[in-house]
Protein backbone atom coordinates (compact mmCIF):
# COMPACT_ATOMS: atom_id res chain seq x y z
CA UNK A 1 112.37 0.69 -69.38
CA UNK A 2 113.38 -2.89 -71.28
CA UNK A 3 116.64 -2.56 -72.48
CA UNK A 4 116.21 -4.11 -75.60
CA UNK A 5 113.14 -2.06 -76.27
CA UNK A 6 115.74 1.21 -75.10
CA UNK A 7 118.18 -0.46 -77.34
CA UNK A 8 115.87 -0.54 -80.79
CA UNK A 9 115.00 3.02 -79.74
CA UNK A 10 117.99 4.66 -78.78
CA UNK A 11 119.41 5.32 -82.93
CA UNK A 12 115.58 7.19 -83.69
CA UNK A 13 116.35 9.17 -80.65
CA UNK A 14 120.16 9.96 -81.42
CA UNK A 15 118.72 10.59 -85.36
CA UNK A 16 116.33 13.45 -83.88
CA UNK A 17 119.02 14.98 -81.67
CA UNK A 18 121.64 14.85 -84.26
CA UNK A 19 118.92 16.83 -86.74
CA UNK A 20 117.57 18.90 -83.61
CA UNK A 21 121.35 20.36 -83.32
CA UNK A 22 121.09 21.44 -86.62
CA UNK A 23 118.06 23.10 -87.19
CA UNK A 24 119.04 25.35 -83.67
CA UNK A 25 122.78 26.32 -85.38
CA UNK A 26 121.20 27.26 -88.52
CA UNK A 27 119.06 29.42 -86.46
CA UNK A 28 121.88 30.67 -85.23
CA UNK A 29 123.81 31.10 -87.72
CA UNK A 30 120.70 32.84 -89.16
CA UNK A 31 121.04 30.30 -92.61
CA UNK A 32 118.71 31.17 -95.34
CA UNK A 33 115.23 30.53 -94.79
CA UNK A 34 115.05 27.72 -97.62
CA UNK A 35 118.09 25.58 -95.70
CA UNK A 36 116.32 26.20 -92.61
CA UNK A 37 112.89 24.72 -93.63
CA UNK A 38 114.61 21.41 -95.01
CA UNK A 39 115.93 20.94 -91.97
CA UNK A 40 112.80 21.62 -89.81
CA UNK A 41 110.89 19.19 -92.21
CA UNK A 42 113.61 16.89 -91.98
CA UNK A 43 113.57 17.01 -87.91
CA UNK A 44 109.16 16.59 -88.19
CA UNK A 45 109.74 13.50 -90.32
CA UNK A 46 112.60 11.55 -88.09
CA UNK A 47 110.24 12.48 -85.12
CA UNK A 48 107.42 10.57 -86.69
CA UNK A 49 109.44 8.11 -87.52
CA UNK A 50 110.40 8.12 -83.70
CA UNK A 51 106.61 8.38 -82.87
CA UNK A 52 106.06 4.91 -84.99
CA UNK A 53 108.68 2.84 -84.03
CA UNK A 54 107.40 3.53 -80.28
CA UNK A 55 103.60 2.70 -81.33
CA UNK A 56 104.84 -0.47 -82.69
CA UNK A 57 106.40 -1.30 -79.94
CA UNK A 58 103.58 -0.69 -77.81
CA UNK A 59 101.28 -2.24 -80.23
CA UNK A 60 102.89 -5.78 -80.90
CA UNK A 61 99.84 -7.41 -79.66
CA UNK A 62 97.72 -5.32 -81.50
CA UNK A 63 97.35 -5.96 -85.54
CA UNK A 64 95.95 -2.66 -87.89
CA UNK A 65 93.88 -3.42 -90.67
CA UNK A 66 96.08 -2.64 -94.27
CA UNK A 67 94.26 0.31 -95.41
CA UNK A 68 92.06 0.95 -93.00
CA UNK A 69 92.41 3.55 -90.05
CA UNK A 70 90.37 3.28 -87.25
CA UNK A 71 90.02 -0.91 -86.74
CA UNK A 72 92.30 -3.02 -85.10
CA UNK A 73 92.43 -6.54 -83.74
CA UNK A 74 94.00 -7.06 -79.78
CA UNK A 75 96.37 -10.16 -79.59
CA UNK A 76 96.74 -12.48 -76.20
CA UNK A 77 98.53 -9.58 -74.21
CA UNK A 78 96.08 -7.14 -75.62
CA UNK A 79 93.07 -8.82 -74.55
CA UNK A 80 94.64 -9.80 -71.34
CA UNK A 81 94.89 -5.70 -70.40
CA UNK A 82 91.74 -5.20 -71.96
CA UNK A 83 89.50 -7.51 -69.39
CA UNK A 84 91.85 -6.86 -66.53
CA UNK A 85 90.77 -3.25 -66.88
CA UNK A 86 87.03 -3.85 -67.65
CA UNK A 87 86.77 -6.17 -64.64
CA UNK A 88 88.55 -3.41 -62.27
CA UNK A 89 85.39 -0.98 -63.74
CA UNK A 90 83.01 -3.05 -63.18
CA UNK A 91 84.08 -4.28 -59.56
CA UNK A 92 84.80 -0.52 -58.50
CA UNK A 93 81.59 0.76 -60.17
CA UNK A 94 78.88 -1.74 -60.59
CA UNK A 95 79.57 -3.65 -57.66
CA UNK A 96 80.58 -1.42 -55.20
CA UNK A 97 77.80 0.97 -56.43
CA UNK A 98 75.14 -1.48 -56.94
CA UNK A 99 74.51 -0.44 -59.84
CA UNK A 100 71.72 -2.23 -62.32
CA UNK A 101 74.45 -3.95 -64.92
CA UNK A 102 72.44 -4.53 -68.87
CA UNK A 103 73.43 -5.28 -71.70
CA UNK A 104 71.63 -3.89 -75.06
CA UNK A 105 71.48 -5.01 -78.55
CA UNK A 106 74.44 -3.36 -80.67
CA UNK A 107 72.20 -2.89 -83.71
CA UNK A 108 69.85 0.08 -82.27
CA UNK A 109 66.70 0.76 -84.80
CA UNK A 110 66.47 4.40 -86.18
CA UNK A 111 63.46 5.12 -84.22
CA UNK A 112 65.45 5.07 -80.99
CA UNK A 113 68.27 7.34 -82.30
CA UNK A 114 66.06 9.70 -83.84
CA UNK A 115 63.97 9.82 -80.43
CA UNK A 116 67.71 10.47 -78.47
CA UNK A 117 68.84 13.12 -80.88
CA UNK A 118 71.70 11.30 -82.77
CA UNK A 119 70.23 10.93 -86.37
CA UNK A 120 69.72 14.59 -86.68
CA UNK A 121 72.89 16.26 -84.60
CA UNK A 122 75.29 13.38 -84.35
CA UNK A 123 77.96 14.67 -86.97
CA UNK A 124 80.91 16.32 -87.92
CA UNK A 125 82.21 18.75 -89.85
CA UNK A 126 85.11 17.16 -92.40
CA UNK A 127 87.50 19.45 -95.14
CA UNK A 128 88.42 17.84 -98.33
CA UNK A 129 92.34 18.26 -99.91
CA UNK A 130 90.71 19.39 -103.46
CA UNK A 131 93.22 17.59 -105.00
CA UNK A 132 93.55 13.86 -103.70
CA UNK A 133 90.54 14.45 -102.18
CA UNK A 134 91.91 13.18 -98.69
CA UNK A 135 89.25 14.26 -95.22
CA UNK A 136 90.29 16.09 -92.59
CA UNK A 137 87.87 16.63 -89.32
CA UNK A 138 87.59 20.70 -89.38
CA UNK A 139 87.67 21.11 -86.36
CA UNK A 140 91.14 19.72 -85.30
CA UNK A 141 92.15 20.79 -88.60
CA UNK A 142 91.78 23.80 -86.80
CA UNK A 143 92.39 23.58 -83.27
CA UNK A 144 95.90 21.87 -84.51
CA UNK A 145 96.67 24.44 -86.97
CA UNK A 146 96.47 26.97 -84.05
CA UNK A 147 98.47 24.98 -81.59
CA UNK A 148 101.22 25.69 -84.31
CA UNK A 149 100.94 28.93 -84.83
CA UNK A 150 100.81 30.03 -80.97
CA UNK A 151 104.50 28.20 -80.58
CA UNK A 152 105.68 29.81 -83.94
CA UNK A 153 107.67 33.13 -83.12
CA UNK A 154 106.95 34.53 -86.65
CA UNK A 155 103.17 34.66 -85.53
CA UNK A 156 102.84 38.27 -84.06
CA UNK A 157 101.14 38.69 -80.65
CA UNK A 158 97.90 40.32 -81.85
CA UNK A 159 97.65 37.12 -83.92
CA UNK A 160 98.24 34.92 -81.05
CA UNK A 161 95.84 37.17 -79.05
CA UNK A 162 92.96 36.44 -81.22
CA UNK A 163 93.51 33.02 -81.90
CA UNK A 164 93.52 32.13 -77.72
CA UNK A 165 90.32 33.74 -77.52
CA UNK A 166 88.80 31.76 -80.42
CA UNK A 167 90.22 28.73 -79.43
CA UNK A 168 87.71 28.04 -76.73
CA UNK A 169 84.94 28.15 -79.20
CA UNK A 170 86.02 25.92 -81.94
CA UNK A 171 83.83 22.94 -80.53
CA UNK A 172 81.11 24.81 -80.89
CA UNK A 173 81.24 26.16 -84.09
CA UNK A 174 78.81 26.35 -86.94
CA UNK A 175 79.48 24.83 -90.08
CA UNK A 176 79.57 28.91 -91.51
CA UNK A 177 82.01 29.59 -88.74
CA UNK A 178 84.62 26.93 -89.21
CA UNK A 179 84.63 27.83 -92.71
CA UNK A 180 85.22 31.44 -92.05
CA UNK A 181 87.82 30.44 -89.42
CA UNK A 182 89.58 28.17 -92.43
CA UNK A 183 89.93 30.64 -94.90
CA UNK A 184 90.74 33.79 -92.68
CA UNK A 185 94.01 32.01 -91.39
CA UNK A 186 94.53 30.06 -95.12
CA UNK A 187 94.41 26.75 -93.31
CA UNK A 188 95.72 23.99 -95.73
CA UNK A 189 96.18 20.51 -95.67
CA UNK A 190 98.11 19.46 -93.08
CA UNK A 191 99.65 16.54 -95.47
CA UNK A 192 100.33 18.00 -98.88
CA UNK A 193 99.73 22.06 -98.15
CA UNK A 194 96.70 21.84 -100.86
CA UNK A 195 93.92 24.05 -101.06
CA UNK A 196 91.01 22.48 -98.76
CA UNK A 197 87.00 22.32 -99.39
CA UNK A 198 83.93 24.54 -97.23
CA UNK A 199 83.02 22.10 -94.16
CA UNK A 200 80.94 19.28 -95.13
CA UNK A 201 78.52 17.52 -92.71
CA UNK A 202 79.31 13.99 -91.93
CA UNK A 203 77.27 12.10 -89.25
CA UNK A 204 79.22 9.64 -87.38
CA UNK A 205 77.13 6.52 -87.07
CA UNK A 206 77.62 3.64 -89.11
CA UNK A 207 74.19 2.60 -90.92
CA UNK A 208 72.64 -0.52 -91.81
CA UNK A 209 68.98 -2.11 -93.11
CA UNK A 210 67.61 -4.49 -90.42
CA UNK A 211 65.47 -7.73 -91.83
CA UNK A 212 65.55 -9.28 -95.45
CA UNK A 213 63.23 -6.06 -97.38
CA UNK A 214 65.81 -3.70 -95.80
CA UNK A 215 62.93 -1.62 -95.64
CA UNK A 216 63.72 -1.01 -91.47
CA UNK A 217 67.07 1.21 -91.07
CA UNK A 218 69.38 1.08 -88.31
CA UNK A 219 72.75 2.28 -87.18
CA UNK A 220 75.41 0.58 -85.06
CA UNK A 221 75.34 2.30 -81.75
CA UNK A 222 77.10 5.10 -81.10
CA UNK A 223 77.57 4.64 -77.61
CA UNK A 224 75.69 2.94 -74.64
CA UNK A 225 73.99 5.17 -72.52
CA UNK A 226 70.78 4.97 -75.07
CA UNK A 227 70.36 1.30 -74.61
CA UNK A 228 70.02 2.15 -70.61
CA UNK A 229 67.82 4.85 -70.95
CA UNK A 230 65.25 2.93 -73.40
CA UNK A 231 65.19 -0.14 -70.58
CA UNK A 232 64.75 2.87 -67.81
CA UNK A 233 61.31 1.71 -67.02
CA UNK A 234 61.94 -1.92 -66.77
CA UNK A 235 65.05 -1.14 -64.33
CA UNK A 236 62.96 1.43 -62.18
CA UNK A 237 60.62 -1.63 -61.78
CA UNK A 238 63.70 -4.18 -60.71
CA UNK A 239 64.63 -1.77 -58.37
CA UNK A 240 61.01 -1.74 -56.54
CA UNK A 241 60.19 1.68 -58.02
CA UNK A 242 62.55 3.44 -55.90
CA UNK A 243 64.78 6.10 -56.51
CA UNK A 244 67.46 6.73 -56.73
CA UNK A 245 69.52 4.03 -58.48
CA UNK A 246 72.23 3.57 -61.25
CA UNK A 247 72.37 1.70 -64.69
CA UNK A 248 75.17 0.69 -65.95
CA UNK A 249 76.53 -0.99 -69.44
CA UNK A 250 79.92 -1.74 -70.87
CA UNK A 251 80.01 -3.33 -74.48
CA UNK A 252 81.26 -1.84 -77.86
CA UNK A 253 80.27 1.00 -79.51
CA UNK A 254 80.82 2.57 -83.16
CA UNK A 255 81.60 6.15 -84.67
CA UNK A 256 82.60 6.30 -88.44
CA UNK A 257 85.21 8.95 -87.59
CA UNK A 258 86.46 11.07 -90.17
CA UNK A 259 89.93 10.67 -89.60
CA UNK A 260 91.55 8.08 -86.86
CA UNK A 261 94.55 9.14 -85.87
CA UNK A 262 96.41 8.73 -82.79
CA UNK A 263 97.24 5.38 -82.42
CA UNK A 264 94.72 3.74 -80.59
CA UNK A 265 93.13 6.72 -79.37
CA UNK A 266 90.57 7.89 -81.77
CA UNK A 267 89.29 4.61 -83.68
CA UNK A 268 86.24 3.90 -85.19
CA UNK A 269 85.20 0.84 -83.04
CA UNK A 270 85.71 0.59 -79.34
CA UNK A 271 84.82 -0.48 -75.96
CA UNK A 272 82.92 2.00 -73.97
CA UNK A 273 81.92 2.08 -70.08
CA UNK A 274 79.02 4.28 -69.38
CA UNK A 275 76.73 4.72 -66.34
CA UNK A 276 73.52 6.85 -66.31
CA UNK A 277 72.39 7.54 -61.94
CA UNK A 278 68.63 8.58 -62.16
CA UNK A 279 67.80 10.49 -58.78
CA UNK A 280 64.84 12.63 -57.68
CA UNK A 281 66.24 15.81 -59.00
CA UNK A 282 65.32 17.71 -55.38
CA UNK A 283 67.69 15.59 -53.91
CA UNK A 284 70.50 16.82 -56.28
CA UNK A 285 72.59 19.20 -54.36
CA UNK A 286 73.27 17.00 -50.97
CA UNK A 287 74.12 13.35 -51.99
CA UNK A 288 74.23 10.72 -49.19
CA UNK A 289 77.17 9.26 -50.13
CA UNK A 290 79.25 12.67 -50.60
CA UNK A 291 81.36 12.22 -47.59
CA UNK A 292 83.26 9.72 -48.77
CA UNK A 293 84.76 12.29 -51.80
CA UNK A 294 84.16 15.91 -50.32
CA UNK A 295 87.90 15.87 -48.83
CA UNK A 296 89.41 14.68 -52.17
CA UNK A 297 91.66 17.32 -53.63
CA UNK A 298 91.55 17.56 -57.57
CA UNK A 299 92.76 19.61 -60.38
CA UNK A 300 89.81 21.90 -61.92
CA UNK A 301 89.93 23.80 -65.24
CA UNK A 302 86.99 25.87 -64.98
CA UNK A 303 84.67 27.34 -67.78
CA UNK A 304 86.18 30.79 -66.24
CA UNK A 305 89.62 29.93 -65.83
CA UNK A 306 89.77 28.84 -69.17
CA UNK A 307 87.95 31.98 -70.46
CA UNK A 308 90.84 33.90 -68.62
CA UNK A 309 93.45 32.09 -70.15
CA UNK A 310 94.52 31.21 -66.36
CA UNK A 311 95.79 27.75 -64.95
CA UNK A 312 93.87 25.18 -63.12
CA UNK A 313 92.91 25.20 -59.28
CA UNK A 314 93.47 21.97 -57.04
CA UNK A 315 90.61 22.11 -54.37
CA UNK A 316 88.50 19.74 -52.63
CA UNK A 317 85.16 18.88 -53.88
CA UNK A 318 83.41 20.24 -51.12
CA UNK A 319 85.05 23.53 -51.63
CA UNK A 320 84.01 23.22 -55.08
CA UNK A 321 80.55 22.76 -54.16
CA UNK A 322 80.21 25.21 -51.51
CA UNK A 323 81.60 27.84 -53.78
CA UNK A 324 79.40 26.85 -57.20
CA UNK A 325 82.56 25.73 -58.93
CA UNK A 326 80.43 22.42 -59.10
CA UNK A 327 76.87 22.10 -59.89
CA UNK A 328 76.40 19.77 -56.97
CA UNK A 329 77.18 17.16 -54.75
CA UNK A 330 76.24 14.58 -56.79
CA UNK A 331 77.89 15.25 -59.80
CA UNK A 332 80.85 15.44 -57.94
CA UNK A 333 80.53 12.59 -55.55
CA UNK A 334 80.86 10.71 -59.39
CA UNK A 335 83.32 12.68 -60.21
CA UNK A 336 85.69 12.39 -57.14
CA UNK A 337 84.93 8.15 -58.19
CA UNK A 338 85.79 8.66 -61.23
CA UNK A 339 89.37 10.29 -59.56
CA UNK A 340 89.64 7.33 -57.32
CA UNK A 341 89.20 4.77 -60.47
CA UNK A 342 91.63 6.13 -63.07
CA UNK A 343 94.58 7.07 -60.17
CA UNK A 344 93.73 3.43 -58.97
CA UNK A 345 94.54 1.71 -62.63
CA UNK A 346 97.77 3.90 -62.93
CA UNK A 347 97.00 7.74 -64.27
CA UNK A 348 99.55 9.95 -63.73
CA UNK A 349 97.72 12.42 -61.26
CA UNK A 350 100.51 15.02 -62.66
CA UNK A 351 99.00 14.81 -66.33
CA UNK A 352 95.06 14.79 -64.89
CA UNK A 353 92.71 17.16 -64.54
CA UNK A 354 89.12 17.91 -64.86
CA UNK A 355 87.86 20.42 -67.74
CA UNK A 356 84.65 21.93 -67.42
CA UNK A 357 82.16 22.51 -70.28
CA UNK A 358 82.33 26.62 -71.65
CA UNK A 359 79.02 27.90 -71.78
CA UNK A 360 78.67 27.50 -75.65
CA UNK A 361 79.68 23.59 -76.23
CA UNK A 362 77.60 23.12 -72.91
CA UNK A 363 74.04 21.02 -73.76
CA UNK A 364 71.64 22.86 -73.84
CA UNK A 365 70.11 20.43 -71.27
CA UNK A 366 72.44 19.82 -69.55
CA UNK A 367 73.10 22.37 -65.89
CA UNK A 368 77.09 21.48 -65.65
CA UNK A 369 79.40 19.14 -67.45
CA UNK A 370 82.81 17.89 -67.07
CA UNK A 371 85.65 16.21 -68.76
CA UNK A 372 88.01 14.15 -67.20
CA UNK A 373 91.37 14.66 -69.09
CA UNK A 374 94.80 12.89 -69.16
CA UNK A 375 97.78 14.49 -71.10
CA UNK A 376 99.59 12.71 -73.70
CA UNK A 377 101.51 12.70 -76.37
CA UNK A 378 98.81 13.91 -78.48
CA UNK A 379 98.18 16.41 -75.72
CA UNK A 380 94.99 16.53 -73.34
CA UNK A 381 92.35 13.76 -74.45
CA UNK A 382 89.22 13.17 -73.07
CA UNK A 383 88.94 9.82 -71.41
CA UNK A 384 85.41 10.21 -69.19
CA UNK A 385 82.47 12.97 -69.27
CA UNK A 386 80.63 13.17 -66.21
CA UNK A 387 77.20 15.63 -66.67
CA UNK A 388 74.15 16.77 -65.06
CA UNK A 389 71.86 15.47 -67.66
CA UNK A 390 68.96 16.39 -66.04
CA UNK A 391 65.69 13.99 -67.80
CA UNK A 392 66.26 15.00 -70.84
CA UNK A 393 66.64 11.73 -72.30
CA UNK A 394 64.56 9.78 -70.76
CA UNK A 395 62.05 13.34 -71.80
CA UNK A 396 63.08 12.19 -75.39
CA UNK A 397 61.96 8.96 -75.73
CA UNK A 398 59.32 9.15 -73.57
CA UNK A 399 57.37 11.43 -76.48
CA UNK A 400 58.93 9.56 -79.14
CA UNK A 401 57.07 5.99 -78.05
CA UNK A 402 54.38 7.19 -76.11
CA UNK A 403 54.93 5.15 -73.18
CA UNK A 404 55.05 6.96 -69.32
CA UNK A 405 57.55 6.98 -67.48
CA UNK A 406 56.11 7.97 -64.57
CA UNK A 407 55.50 6.52 -61.08
CA UNK A 408 52.22 5.66 -62.14
CA UNK A 409 51.69 3.63 -58.92
CA UNK A 410 52.45 6.81 -56.50
CA UNK A 411 49.77 8.93 -58.91
CA UNK A 412 47.12 6.23 -58.55
CA UNK A 413 47.01 5.93 -54.68
CA UNK A 414 46.73 10.00 -54.58
CA UNK A 415 44.00 11.01 -57.21
CA UNK A 416 42.16 7.81 -57.47
CA UNK A 417 39.64 8.41 -60.44
CA UNK A 418 42.09 11.30 -61.66
CA UNK A 419 45.21 9.73 -62.22
CA UNK A 420 44.93 9.37 -66.14
CA UNK A 421 43.99 13.07 -66.18
CA UNK A 422 47.57 13.89 -64.12
CA UNK A 423 49.54 11.36 -65.86
CA UNK A 424 48.66 12.19 -69.12
CA UNK A 425 49.48 15.88 -68.56
CA UNK A 426 52.97 14.89 -66.81
CA UNK A 427 53.79 12.84 -70.02
CA UNK A 428 53.52 16.58 -71.86
CA UNK A 429 55.96 17.94 -70.14
CA UNK A 430 59.22 19.39 -71.11
CA UNK A 431 61.96 19.69 -68.46
CA UNK A 432 61.71 23.37 -68.04
CA UNK A 433 58.09 22.78 -67.71
CA UNK A 434 58.33 20.09 -65.50
CA UNK A 435 60.55 21.76 -63.13
CA UNK A 436 58.97 25.15 -63.35
CA UNK A 437 55.30 22.70 -62.15
CA UNK A 438 57.72 21.66 -59.30
CA UNK A 439 58.20 25.37 -58.44
CA UNK A 440 54.51 26.16 -58.65
CA UNK A 441 53.95 22.97 -56.33
CA UNK A 442 56.42 24.08 -53.77
CA UNK A 443 55.25 27.76 -53.24
CA UNK A 444 51.36 26.86 -53.87
CA UNK A 445 51.08 24.55 -50.48
CA UNK A 446 50.51 20.71 -50.67
CA UNK A 447 51.70 19.56 -54.26
CA UNK A 448 48.12 17.32 -54.45
CA UNK A 449 45.57 20.36 -53.76
CA UNK A 450 48.06 22.76 -56.39
CA UNK A 451 48.25 20.50 -58.69
CA UNK A 452 44.76 19.33 -58.53
CA UNK A 453 44.02 23.22 -59.21
CA UNK A 454 46.00 23.68 -61.81
CA UNK A 455 44.40 20.97 -63.46
């Protein structure tokens, strides 16, 4: 600790300690509830003051826009830290993995995000304080309330058991399910204690109009991945038409968060660094560089462990693939690389884990998905998502644009005059249909002959 910083924080820490001692004394003396509640409220107030002071000291080179949460300016030191971190990411992933880097437009036409599903599904549910109109994200409000109830000695064990069973499903609740949960547990505004509204749908993307007439609708991109998918064909051609290869992008993303909190962790404009790695699905079970991370031991909180309420395992990535905890070597390889990078930039291994998505939060197109999470003063926070997304995104854009993303050169050489029929047929297939066709071709002998018979 910097002695000057410690000197500034000491009075706040002492204030929290004194009030904490008073709360414990009142509990021991079985003081009236009203006195205890007042003392606890004051303790919370002093803890918030300490947290705010610590954040102020950490953000001496970051400016917050007055009156608008979730928007920040970085000063000289903040810019240097950010630049160094992004350059470390570029060196570790783009250069060492020989990825193809792109820099796509921040302003995205609505058609692109309609094809990807963001216009329809990129939303959260919010609730409003019925008296002052303050908004809160419904799932976070439920989760935070449940966490407090689990640590409350006045809550019965039966209710706590029910909360533990519900907690893992909150992220995937429908609007009606969230509304029922809020009513069942009498959840109020965390700030005022006022009643709150039923959940309302809120799309997280910032919309805008493109061009002088304003007739072309667009959005500020909510992620950088779609720019990679849209440019897949060009990247494939740049790579000589060969798989596997990876695309990468570093850039700004925007999300109109309902209630930005937790300092710089949940904001409305932030930098992202993303990779999309493309490979033949038949080759993902074994990855040619997996030996480099096979013996790497990481903390894995699997879906089964979460549902059973058990602690995570520490095991090698090789063992995790072997016993089926992680779906395949390709996914495990990049999880290993993510772990190595985070350790390299200073994350504490004792406060790090990979958490597997539960069945009810797993995207329908993903066969496996893990979040790299870090334990902070705000609890466990997702830092990186790592998923086997199959070819879902490419199929969505192919269907919306009619642009064929299959390797027409190979098809042309094999099927000659029938190439167009084959290409048109393959273009119409969804992910499940493509997998079924692949199995059929494998079972019925030569792929060329079987496909010709099918057509």
